PDB file of N, CA and C in Angstrom:
ATOM      1  N   MET A   1       0.503  -1.088  -0.117  1.00  0.00           N
ATOM      2  CA  MET A   1       0.044   0.084   0.012  1.00  0.00           C
ATOM      3  C   MET A   1       0.932   1.470   0.042  1.00  0.00           C
ATOM      4  N   ALA A   2       0.394   2.367  -0.716  1.00  0.00           N
ATOM      5  CA  ALA A   2       1.192   3.565  -1.130  1.00  0.00           C
ATOM      6  C   ALA A   2       1.034   4.416   0.249  1.00  0.00           C
ATOM      7  N   ALA A   3       1.999   5.051   0.330  1.00  0.00           N
ATOM      8  CA  ALA A   3       2.235   6.498   1.388  1.00  0.00           C
ATOM      9  C   ALA A   3       0.656   7.274   1.398  1.00  0.00           C
ATOM     10  N   MET A   4       0.032   7.899   2.049  1.00  0.00           N
ATOM     11  CA  MET A   4      -1.330   8.327   2.154  1.00  0.00           C
ATOM     12  C   MET A   4      -1.040   9.601   1.133  1.00  0.00           C
ATOM     13  N   ASP A   5      -2.185  10.150   0.528  1.00  0.00           N
ATOM     14  CA  ASP A   5      -2.180  11.326  -0.009  1.00  0.00           C
ATOM     15  C   ASP A   5      -2.350  12.436   1.023  1.00  0.00           C
ATOM     16  N   GLU A   6      -2.080  13.769   0.562  1.00  0.00           N
ATOM     17  CA  GLU A   6      -2.367  14.710   1.469  1.00  0.00           C
ATOM     18  C   GLU A   6      -3.774  14.772   2.306  1.00  0.00           C
ATOM     19  N   THR A   7      -4.824  14.506   1.609  1.00  0.00           N
ATOM     20  CA  THR A   7      -6.006  14.826   2.177  1.00  0.00           C
ATOM     21  C   THR A   7      -6.129  13.542   3.277  1.00  0.00           C
ATOM     22  N   ASN A   8      -5.619  12.267   3.215  1.00  0.00           N
ATOM     23  CA  ASN A   8      -5.753  11.046   3.843  1.00  0.00           C
ATOM     24  C   ASN A   8      -4.797  11.627   5.400  1.00  0.00           C
ATOM     25  N   ARG A   9      -3.650  12.405   4.753  1.00  0.00           N
ATOM     26  CA  ARG A   9      -3.072  12.553   6.002  1.00  0.00           C
ATOM     27  C   ARG A   9      -3.630  13.824   6.914  1.00  0.00           C
ATOM     28  N   ARG A  10      -3.936  14.537   5.937  1.00  0.00           N
ATOM     29  CA  ARG A  10      -4.531  15.663   6.914  1.00  0.00           C
ATOM     30  C   ARG A  10      -5.987  15.191   7.878  1.00  0.00           C
ATOM     31  N   ARG A  11      -6.635  14.188   7.179  1.00  0.00           N
ATOM     32  CA  ARG A  11      -8.071  13.520   7.820  1.00  0.00           C
ATOM     33  C   ARG A  11      -7.311  12.548   8.931  1.00  0.00           C
ATOM     34  N   THR A  12      -6.450  11.670   9.156  1.00  0.00           N
ATOM     35  CA  THR A  12      -5.950  11.259  10.013  1.00  0.00           C
ATOM     36  C   THR A  12      -5.142  12.151  11.294  1.00  0.00           C
ATOM     37  N   TRP A  13      -4.491  13.364  10.703  1.00  0.00           N
ATOM     38  CA  TRP A  13      -4.010  14.123  11.712  1.00  0.00           C
ATOM     39  C   TRP A  13      -5.369  14.712  12.437  1.00  0.00           C
ATOM     40  N   LEU A  14      -6.158  15.019  11.580  1.00  0.00           N
ATOM     41  CA  LEU A  14      -7.587  15.707  12.112  1.00  0.00           C
ATOM     42  C   LEU A  14      -8.502  14.752  13.285  1.00  0.00           C
ATOM     43  N   ARG A  15      -8.025  13.501  12.997  1.00  0.00           N
ATOM     44  CA  ARG A  15      -8.951  12.452  13.728  1.00  0.00           C
ATOM     45  C   ARG A  15      -8.119  12.193  14.739  1.00  0.00           C
ATOM     46  N   TRP A  16      -7.038  12.070  14.793  1.00  0.00           N
ATOM     47  CA  TRP A  16      -5.813  11.749  15.673  1.00  0.00           C
ATOM     48  C   TRP A  16      -6.061  13.034  17.338  1.00  0.00           C
ATOM     49  N   MET A  17      -6.446  14.137  16.754  1.00  0.00           N
ATOM     50  CA  MET A  17      -6.614  15.486  17.514  1.00  0.00           C
ATOM     51  C   MET A  17      -7.911  15.237  18.275  1.00  0.00           C
ATOM     52  N   ARG A  18      -8.741  14.496  17.405  1.00  0.00           N
ATOM     53  CA  ARG A  18      -9.928  14.674  18.382  1.00  0.00           C
ATOM     54  C   ARG A  18     -10.292  13.438  19.355  1.00  0.00           C
ATOM     55  N   ASP A  19      -9.476  12.386  18.883  1.00  0.00           N
ATOM     56  CA  ASP A  19      -9.703  10.922  19.738  1.00  0.00           C
ATOM     57  C   ASP A  19      -8.917  11.094  20.702  1.00  0.00           C
ATOM     58  N   ASN A  20      -7.377  12.052  20.801  1.00  0.00           N
ATOM     59  CA  ASN A  20      -6.575  11.781  21.633  1.00  0.00           C
ATOM     60  C   ASN A  20      -7.234  12.423  23.155  1.00  0.00           C
ATOM     61  N   ALA A  21      -7.367  11.765  24.516  1.00  0.00           N
ATOM     62  CA  ALA A  21      -8.043  11.837  25.502  1.00  0.00           C
ATOM     63  C   ALA A  21      -6.392  12.420  26.126  1.00  0.00           C
ATOM     64  N   GLU A  22      -5.510  12.236  26.190  1.00  0.00           N
ATOM     65  CA  GLU A  22      -4.437  12.494  26.927  1.00  0.00           C
ATOM     66  C   GLU A  22      -3.783  13.635  26.474  1.00  0.00           C
ATOM     67  N   PRO A  23      -2.957  14.299  28.071  1.00  0.00           N
ATOM     68  CA  PRO A  23      -2.539  15.817  27.828  1.00  0.00           C
ATOM     69  C   PRO A  23      -1.047  15.645  26.872  1.00  0.00           C
ATOM     70  N   VAL A  24      -0.959  16.609  26.270  1.00  0.00           N
ATOM     71  CA  VAL A  24       0.280  16.527  25.243  1.00  0.00           C
ATOM     72  C   VAL A  24       1.176  17.749  25.531  1.00  0.00           C
ATOM     73  N   ALA A  25       2.263  17.385  24.922  1.00  0.00           N
ATOM     74  CA  ALA A  25       3.341  18.450  25.386  1.00  0.00           C
ATOM     75  C   ALA A  25       4.086  18.956  23.924  1.00  0.00           C
ATOM     76  N   PHE A  26       3.047  18.684  22.847  1.00  0.00           N
ATOM     77  CA  PHE A  26       4.007  19.357  21.531  1.00  0.00           C
ATOM     78  C   PHE A  26       2.757  19.874  20.820  1.00  0.00           C
ATOM     79  N   THR A  27       3.235  20.318  19.649  1.00  0.00           N
ATOM     80  CA  THR A  27       2.151  21.384  19.113  1.00  0.00           C
ATOM     81  C   THR A  27       1.253  20.631  17.726  1.00  0.00           C
ATOM     82  N   LYS A  28       0.578  21.143  17.065  1.00  0.00           N
ATOM     83  CA  LYS A  28      -0.606  20.487  16.227  1.00  0.00           C
ATOM     84  C   LYS A  28       0.626  20.291  14.908  1.00  0.00           C
ATOM     85  N   ALA A  29       1.595  21.221  14.798  1.00  0.00           N
ATOM     86  CA  ALA A  29       2.516  20.703  13.769  1.00  0.00           C
ATOM     87  C   ALA A  29       3.553  19.954  14.059  1.00  0.00           C
ATOM     88  N   ASP A  30       3.727  19.895  15.396  1.00  0.00           N
ATOM     89  CA  ASP A  30       4.683  18.620  15.713  1.00  0.00           C
ATOM     90  C   ASP A  30       4.009  17.201  15.656  1.00  0.00           C
ATOM     91  N   LEU A  31       2.887  17.085  15.709  1.00  0.00           N
ATOM     92  CA  LEU A  31       2.126  16.032  15.557  1.00  0.00           C
ATOM     93  C   LEU A  31       1.923  15.552  13.971  1.00  0.00           C
ATOM     94  N   ARG A  32       1.603  16.662  13.311  1.00  0.00           N
ATOM     95  CA  ARG A  32       1.411  16.439  11.953  1.00  0.00           C
ATOM     96  C   ARG A  32       3.092  16.005  11.372  1.00  0.00           C
ATOM     97  N   ALA A  33       3.867  16.405  11.848  1.00  0.00           N
ATOM     98  CA  ALA A  33       5.452  15.763  11.473  1.00  0.00           C
ATOM     99  C   ALA A  33       5.562  14.798  11.710  1.00  0.00           C
ATOM    100  N   ALA A  34       5.141  14.294  12.672  1.00  0.00           N
ATOM    101  CA  ALA A  34       5.198  13.171  13.550  1.00  0.00           C
ATOM    102  C   ALA A  34       4.341  11.738  12.508  1.00  0.00           C
ATOM    103  N   LEU A  35       2.965  12.129  12.087  1.00  0.00           N
ATOM    104  CA  LEU A  35       2.327  11.570  11.142  1.00  0.00           C
ATOM    105  C   LEU A  35       2.669  11.325  10.048  1.00  0.00           C
ATOM    106  N   ASP A  36       3.044  12.450   9.410  1.00  0.00           N
ATOM    107  CA  ASP A  36       4.098  12.440   7.991  1.00  0.00           C
ATOM    108  C   ASP A  36       5.061  11.023   8.051  1.00  0.00           C
ATOM    109  N   ALA A  37       5.879  11.267   9.470  1.00  0.00           N
ATOM    110  CA  ALA A  37       7.363  10.602   9.597  1.00  0.00           C
ATOM    111  C   ALA A  37       6.535   9.315   9.355  1.00  0.00           C
ATOM    112  N   CYS A  38       5.485   8.886  10.154  1.00  0.00           N
ATOM    113  CA  CYS A  38       5.382   7.579  10.368  1.00  0.00           C
ATOM    114  C   CYS A  38       4.599   6.826   9.336  1.00  0.00           C
ATOM    115  N   ASP A  39       3.882   7.781   8.225  1.00  0.00           N
ATOM    116  CA  ASP A  39       3.605   7.302   7.099  1.00  0.00           C
ATOM    117  C   ASP A  39       4.439   6.327   6.005  1.00  0.00           C
ATOM    118  N   ASP A  40       5.350   7.636   6.271  1.00  0.00           N
ATOM    119  CA  ASP A  40       6.676   7.467   5.353  1.00  0.00           C
ATOM    120  C   ASP A  40       7.642   6.212   6.014  1.00  0.00           C
ATOM    121  N   TRP A  41       7.664   6.235   7.348  1.00  0.00           N
ATOM    122  CA  TRP A  41       8.302   5.302   7.727  1.00  0.00           C
ATOM    123  C   TRP A  41       7.686   3.616   7.032  1.00  0.00           C
ATOM    124  N   ILE A  42       6.172   3.722   7.421  1.00  0.00           N
ATOM    125  CA  ILE A  42       5.653   2.457   6.932  1.00  0.00           C
ATOM    126  C   ILE A  42       5.513   2.244   5.262  1.00  0.00           C
ATOM    127  N   ASP A  43       5.349   3.255   4.632  1.00  0.00           N
ATOM    128  CA  ASP A  43       5.792   3.040   3.309  1.00  0.00           C
ATOM    129  C   ASP A  43       7.415   2.428   2.924  1.00  0.00           C
ATOM    130  N   ALA A  44       8.020   2.728   3.361  1.00  0.00           N
ATOM    131  CA  ALA A  44       9.512   2.883   3.443  1.00  0.00           C
ATOM    132  C   ALA A  44       9.937   0.852   3.803  1.00  0.00           C
ATOM    133  N   ASN A  45       8.956   0.857   5.148  1.00  0.00           N
ATOM    134  CA  ASN A  45       9.518  -0.675   5.494  1.00  0.00           C
ATOM    135  C   ASN A  45       8.379  -1.666   5.111  1.00  0.00           C
ATOM    136  N   GLN A  46       7.550  -1.370   4.278  1.00  0.00           N
ATOM    137  CA  GLN A  46       6.551  -2.412   4.111  1.00  0.00           C
ATOM    138  C   GLN A  46       7.160  -3.598   3.604  1.00  0.00           C
ATOM    139  N   ALA A  47       8.429  -3.702   2.640  1.00  0.00           N
ATOM    140  CA  ALA A  47       8.949  -4.849   2.548  1.00  0.00           C
ATOM    141  C   ALA A  47       9.821  -5.921   3.721  1.00  0.00           C
ATOM    142  N   SER A  48      10.398  -5.056   4.522  1.00  0.00           N
ATOM    143  CA  SER A  48      10.650  -5.806   5.770  1.00  0.00           C
ATOM    144  C   SER A  48       9.651  -6.310   6.384  1.00  0.00           C
ATOM    145  N   PHE A  49       8.525  -5.699   6.769  1.00  0.00           N
ATOM    146  CA  PHE A  49       7.528  -6.265   7.628  1.00  0.00           C
ATOM    147  C   PHE A  49       6.698  -7.608   6.498  1.00  0.00           C
ATOM    148  N   ASN A  50       6.655  -7.499   5.611  1.00  0.00           N
ATOM    149  CA  ASN A  50       6.169  -8.650   4.193  1.00  0.00           C
ATOM    150  C   ASN A  50       7.297  -9.996   4.585  1.00  0.00           C
ATOM    151  N   SER A  51       8.764  -9.527   4.680  1.00  0.00           N
ATOM    152  CA  SER A  51       9.478 -10.573   4.690  1.00  0.00           C
ATOM    153  C   SER A  51       9.489 -11.243   6.505  1.00  0.00           C
ATOM    154  N   ALA A  52       9.095 -10.289   7.547  1.00  0.00           N
ATOM    155  CA  ALA A  52       8.692 -10.982   8.815  1.00  0.00           C
ATOM    156  C   ALA A  52       7.741 -11.662   9.014  1.00  0.00           C
ATOM    157  N   LEU A  53       6.639 -11.892   7.877  1.00  0.00           N
ATOM    158  CA  LEU A  53       5.513 -12.527   8.273  1.00  0.00           C
ATOM    159  C   LEU A  53       5.607 -13.851   7.711  1.00  0.00           C
ATOM    160  N   PRO A  54       5.397 -14.969   8.524  1.00  0.00           N
ATOM    161  CA  PRO A  54       5.516 -16.727   8.095  1.00  0.00           C
ATOM    162  C   PRO A  54       4.787 -16.880   6.802  1.00  0.00           C
ATOM    163  N   GLN A  55       5.105 -17.506   6.292  1.00  0.00           N
ATOM    164  CA  GLN A  55       4.375 -18.440   5.382  1.00  0.00           C
ATOM    165  C   GLN A  55       3.232 -19.738   5.847  1.00  0.00           C
ATOM    166  N   PRO A  56       2.093 -19.636   5.250  1.00  0.00           N
ATOM    167  CA  PRO A  56       1.300 -19.555   4.173  1.00  0.00           C
ATOM    168  C   PRO A  56       0.985 -17.770   3.989  1.00  0.00           C
ATOM    169  N   PHE A  57       0.944 -17.458   5.434  1.00  0.00           N
ATOM    170  CA  PHE A  57       0.008 -16.090   5.073  1.00  0.00           C
ATOM    171  C   PHE A  57       0.826 -14.861   4.605  1.00  0.00           C
ATOM    172  N   ARG A  58       2.136 -14.866   4.432  1.00  0.00           N
ATOM    173  CA  ARG A  58       2.913 -14.108   3.494  1.00  0.00           C
ATOM    174  C   ARG A  58       2.714 -14.185   2.274  1.00  0.00           C
ATOM    175  N   SER A  59       2.145 -15.218   1.582  1.00  0.00           N
ATOM    176  CA  SER A  59       2.119 -15.129  -0.041  1.00  0.00           C
ATOM    177  C   SER A  59       0.465 -15.003  -0.338  1.00  0.00           C
ATOM    178  N   SER A  60      -0.234 -15.683   0.785  1.00  0.00           N
ATOM    179  CA  SER A  60      -1.654 -15.652   0.709  1.00  0.00           C
ATOM    180  C   SER A  60      -2.696 -14.453   0.992  1.00  0.00           C
ATOM    181  N   ALA A  61      -2.085 -13.660   1.976  1.00  0.00           N
ATOM    182  CA  ALA A  61      -2.868 -12.574   2.379  1.00  0.00           C
ATOM    183  C   ALA A  61      -2.399 -11.382   1.464  1.00  0.00           C
ATOM    184  N   THR A  62      -3.622 -10.957   1.766  1.00  0.00           N
ATOM    185  CA  THR A  62      -4.022  -9.465   0.367  1.00  0.00           C
ATOM    186  C   THR A  62      -3.261  -8.008   1.204  1.00  0.00           C
ATOM    187  N   ALA A  63      -2.521  -7.475   0.443  1.00  0.00           N
ATOM    188  CA  ALA A  63      -1.883  -6.175   1.314  1.00  0.00           C
ATOM    189  C   ALA A  63      -3.029  -5.571   2.244  1.00  0.00           C
ATOM    190  N   ALA A  64      -3.854  -5.290   2.148  1.00  0.00           N
ATOM    191  CA  ALA A  64      -5.014  -4.926   2.847  1.00  0.00           C
ATOM    192  C   ALA A  64      -4.926  -5.711   4.422  1.00  0.00           C
ATOM    193  N   GLN A  65      -5.137  -7.098   4.415  1.00  0.00           N
ATOM    194  CA  GLN A  65      -5.450  -7.849   5.453  1.00  0.00           C
ATOM    195  C   GLN A  65      -3.949  -7.666   6.059  1.00  0.00           C
ATOM    196  N   LYS A  66      -2.881  -7.502   5.378  1.00  0.00           N
ATOM    197  CA  LYS A  66      -1.590  -7.499   5.762  1.00  0.00           C
ATOM    198  C   LYS A  66      -1.273  -6.183   7.025  1.00  0.00           C
ATOM    199  N   THR A  67      -2.015  -4.805   6.124  1.00  0.00           N
ATOM    200  CA  THR A  67      -2.290  -3.926   6.867  1.00  0.00           C
ATOM    201  C   THR A  67      -3.153  -3.898   7.801  1.00  0.00           C
ATOM    202  N   LEU A  68      -4.218  -4.244   7.987  1.00  0.00           N
ATOM    203  CA  LEU A  68      -5.057  -4.372   9.510  1.00  0.00           C
ATOM    204  C   LEU A  68      -4.691  -5.450  10.386  1.00  0.00           C
ATOM    205  N   LEU A  69      -3.424  -6.443   9.906  1.00  0.00           N
ATOM    206  CA  LEU A  69      -2.809  -7.067  10.932  1.00  0.00           C
ATOM    207  C   LEU A  69      -2.193  -6.232  11.745  1.00  0.00           C
ATOM    208  N   PHE A  70      -1.172  -5.470  10.790  1.00  0.00           N
ATOM    209  CA  PHE A  70      -0.493  -4.592  11.438  1.00  0.00           C
ATOM    210  C   PHE A  70      -1.083  -3.993  12.484  1.00  0.00           C
ATOM    211  N   CYS A  71      -2.270  -2.932  12.097  1.00  0.00           N
ATOM    212  CA  CYS A  71      -3.156  -2.231  12.868  1.00  0.00           C
ATOM    213  C   CYS A  71      -3.512  -3.034  14.007  1.00  0.00           C
ATOM    214  N   TYR A  72      -4.113  -3.963  13.826  1.00  0.00           N
ATOM    215  CA  TYR A  72      -4.541  -4.589  15.242  1.00  0.00           C
ATOM    216  C   TYR A  72      -3.732  -5.024  16.396  1.00  0.00           C
ATOM    217  N   VAL A  73      -2.472  -5.485  15.957  1.00  0.00           N
ATOM    218  CA  VAL A  73      -1.358  -5.636  16.852  1.00  0.00           C
ATOM    219  C   VAL A  73      -0.888  -4.356  17.290  1.00  0.00           C
ATOM    220  N   ALA A  74      -0.520  -2.971  16.842  1.00  0.00           N
ATOM    221  CA  ALA A  74      -0.271  -2.004  17.575  1.00  0.00           C
ATOM    222  C   ALA A  74      -1.287  -1.474  17.955  1.00  0.00           C
ATOM    223  N   MET A  75      -2.705  -1.530  17.713  1.00  0.00           N
ATOM    224  CA  MET A  75      -3.708  -1.114  18.895  1.00  0.00           C
ATOM    225  C   MET A  75      -4.067  -2.092  19.598  1.00  0.00           C
ATOM    226  N   ARG A  76      -3.833  -3.147  19.983  1.00  0.00           N
ATOM    227  CA  ARG A  76      -3.533  -3.860  21.170  1.00  0.00           C
ATOM    228  C   ARG A  76      -2.376  -3.835  22.321  1.00  0.00           C
ATOM    229  N   ARG A  77      -1.513  -3.391  21.269  1.00  0.00           N
ATOM    230  CA  ARG A  77      -0.051  -3.452  22.205  1.00  0.00           C
ATOM    231  C   ARG A  77      -0.252  -1.800  22.807  1.00  0.00           C
ATOM    232  N   ARG A  78      -1.312  -0.950  22.280  1.00  0.00           N
ATOM    233  CA  ARG A  78      -1.357   0.141  23.368  1.00  0.00           C
ATOM    234  C   ARG A  78      -2.326   0.232  24.581  1.00  0.00           C
ATOM    235  N   GLY A  79      -3.305  -1.343  24.419  1.00  0.00           N
ATOM    236  CA  GLY A  79      -3.657  -1.722  25.314  1.00  0.00           C
ATOM    237  C   GLY A  79      -5.090  -1.994  25.200  1.00  0.00           C
ATOM    238  N   ALA A  80      -5.584  -2.810  25.927  1.00  0.00           N
ATOM    239  CA  ALA A  80      -6.828  -3.568  25.781  1.00  0.00           C
ATOM    240  C   ALA A  80      -7.991  -2.932  25.404  1.00  0.00           C
ATOM    241  N   ALA A  81      -8.194  -1.739  26.150  1.00  0.00           N
ATOM    242  CA  ALA A  81      -9.358  -0.978  25.708  1.00  0.00           C
ATOM    243  C   ALA A  81      -9.338  -0.351  23.967  1.00  0.00           C
ATOM    244  N   MET A  82      -8.346  -0.323  23.968  1.00  0.00           N
ATOM    245  CA  MET A  82      -8.007   0.234  22.582  1.00  0.00           C
ATOM    246  C   MET A  82      -8.632  -0.552  21.259  1.00  0.00           C
ATOM    247  N   LEU A  83      -8.486  -2.004  21.681  1.00  0.00           N
ATOM    248  CA  LEU A  83      -9.155  -2.954  20.741  1.00  0.00           C
ATOM    249  C   LEU A  83      -9.561  -4.457  21.710  1.00  0.00           C
ATOM    250  N   ARG A  84     -11.043  -3.880  22.230  1.00  0.00           N
ATOM    251  CA  ARG A  84     -11.515  -4.768  22.962  1.00  0.00           C
ATOM    252  C   ARG A  84     -12.009  -5.921  22.257  1.00  0.00           C
ATOM    253  N   VAL A  85     -11.663  -6.994  23.134  1.00  0.00           N
ATOM    254  CA  VAL A  85     -12.285  -8.492  22.202  1.00  0.00           C
ATOM    255  C   VAL A  85     -13.025  -9.179  23.104  1.00  0.00           C
ATOM    256  N   GLU A  86     -14.361 -10.142  23.241  1.00  0.00           N
ATOM    257  CA  GLU A  86     -14.991 -10.823  23.839  1.00  0.00           C
ATOM    258  C   GLU A  86     -14.223 -11.326  24.892  1.00  0.00           C
ATOM    259  N   GLU A  87     -13.100 -11.919  24.555  1.00  0.00           N
ATOM    260  CA  GLU A  87     -12.354 -12.456  25.611  1.00  0.00           C
ATOM    261  C   GLU A  87     -11.860 -11.710  26.781  1.00  0.00           C
ATOM    262  N   ASP A  88     -11.944 -10.599  26.594  1.00  0.00           N
ATOM    263  CA  ASP A  88     -11.588  -9.728  27.789  1.00  0.00           C
ATOM    264  C   ASP A  88     -12.685  -9.529  28.813  1.00  0.00           C
ATOM    265  N   ASP A  89     -13.664 -10.060  28.481  1.00  0.00           N
ATOM    266  CA  ASP A  89     -14.671  -9.713  29.139  1.00  0.00           C
ATOM    267  C   ASP A  89     -14.891 -10.740  30.586  1.00  0.00           C
TER     268      ASP A  89
END
């Protein structure tokens, strides 16, 4: 998957600001620079991520499925409240 275009980066930046409930010690510009860097890093490292995935998942999953897997793992690492599952109850 390619890096996000300007519209999607801006929308993601705005969504992050709306969703964040924790105090911050950075500016909106700092956040935007971090978001851009994160998106660029993902784009630059997707081949490495793909190589780290075991077969047969690597060859049979779509790019969208691999991206969703990455997101689920990142959200769960953030905390169970970020990605609740039935088994948490």
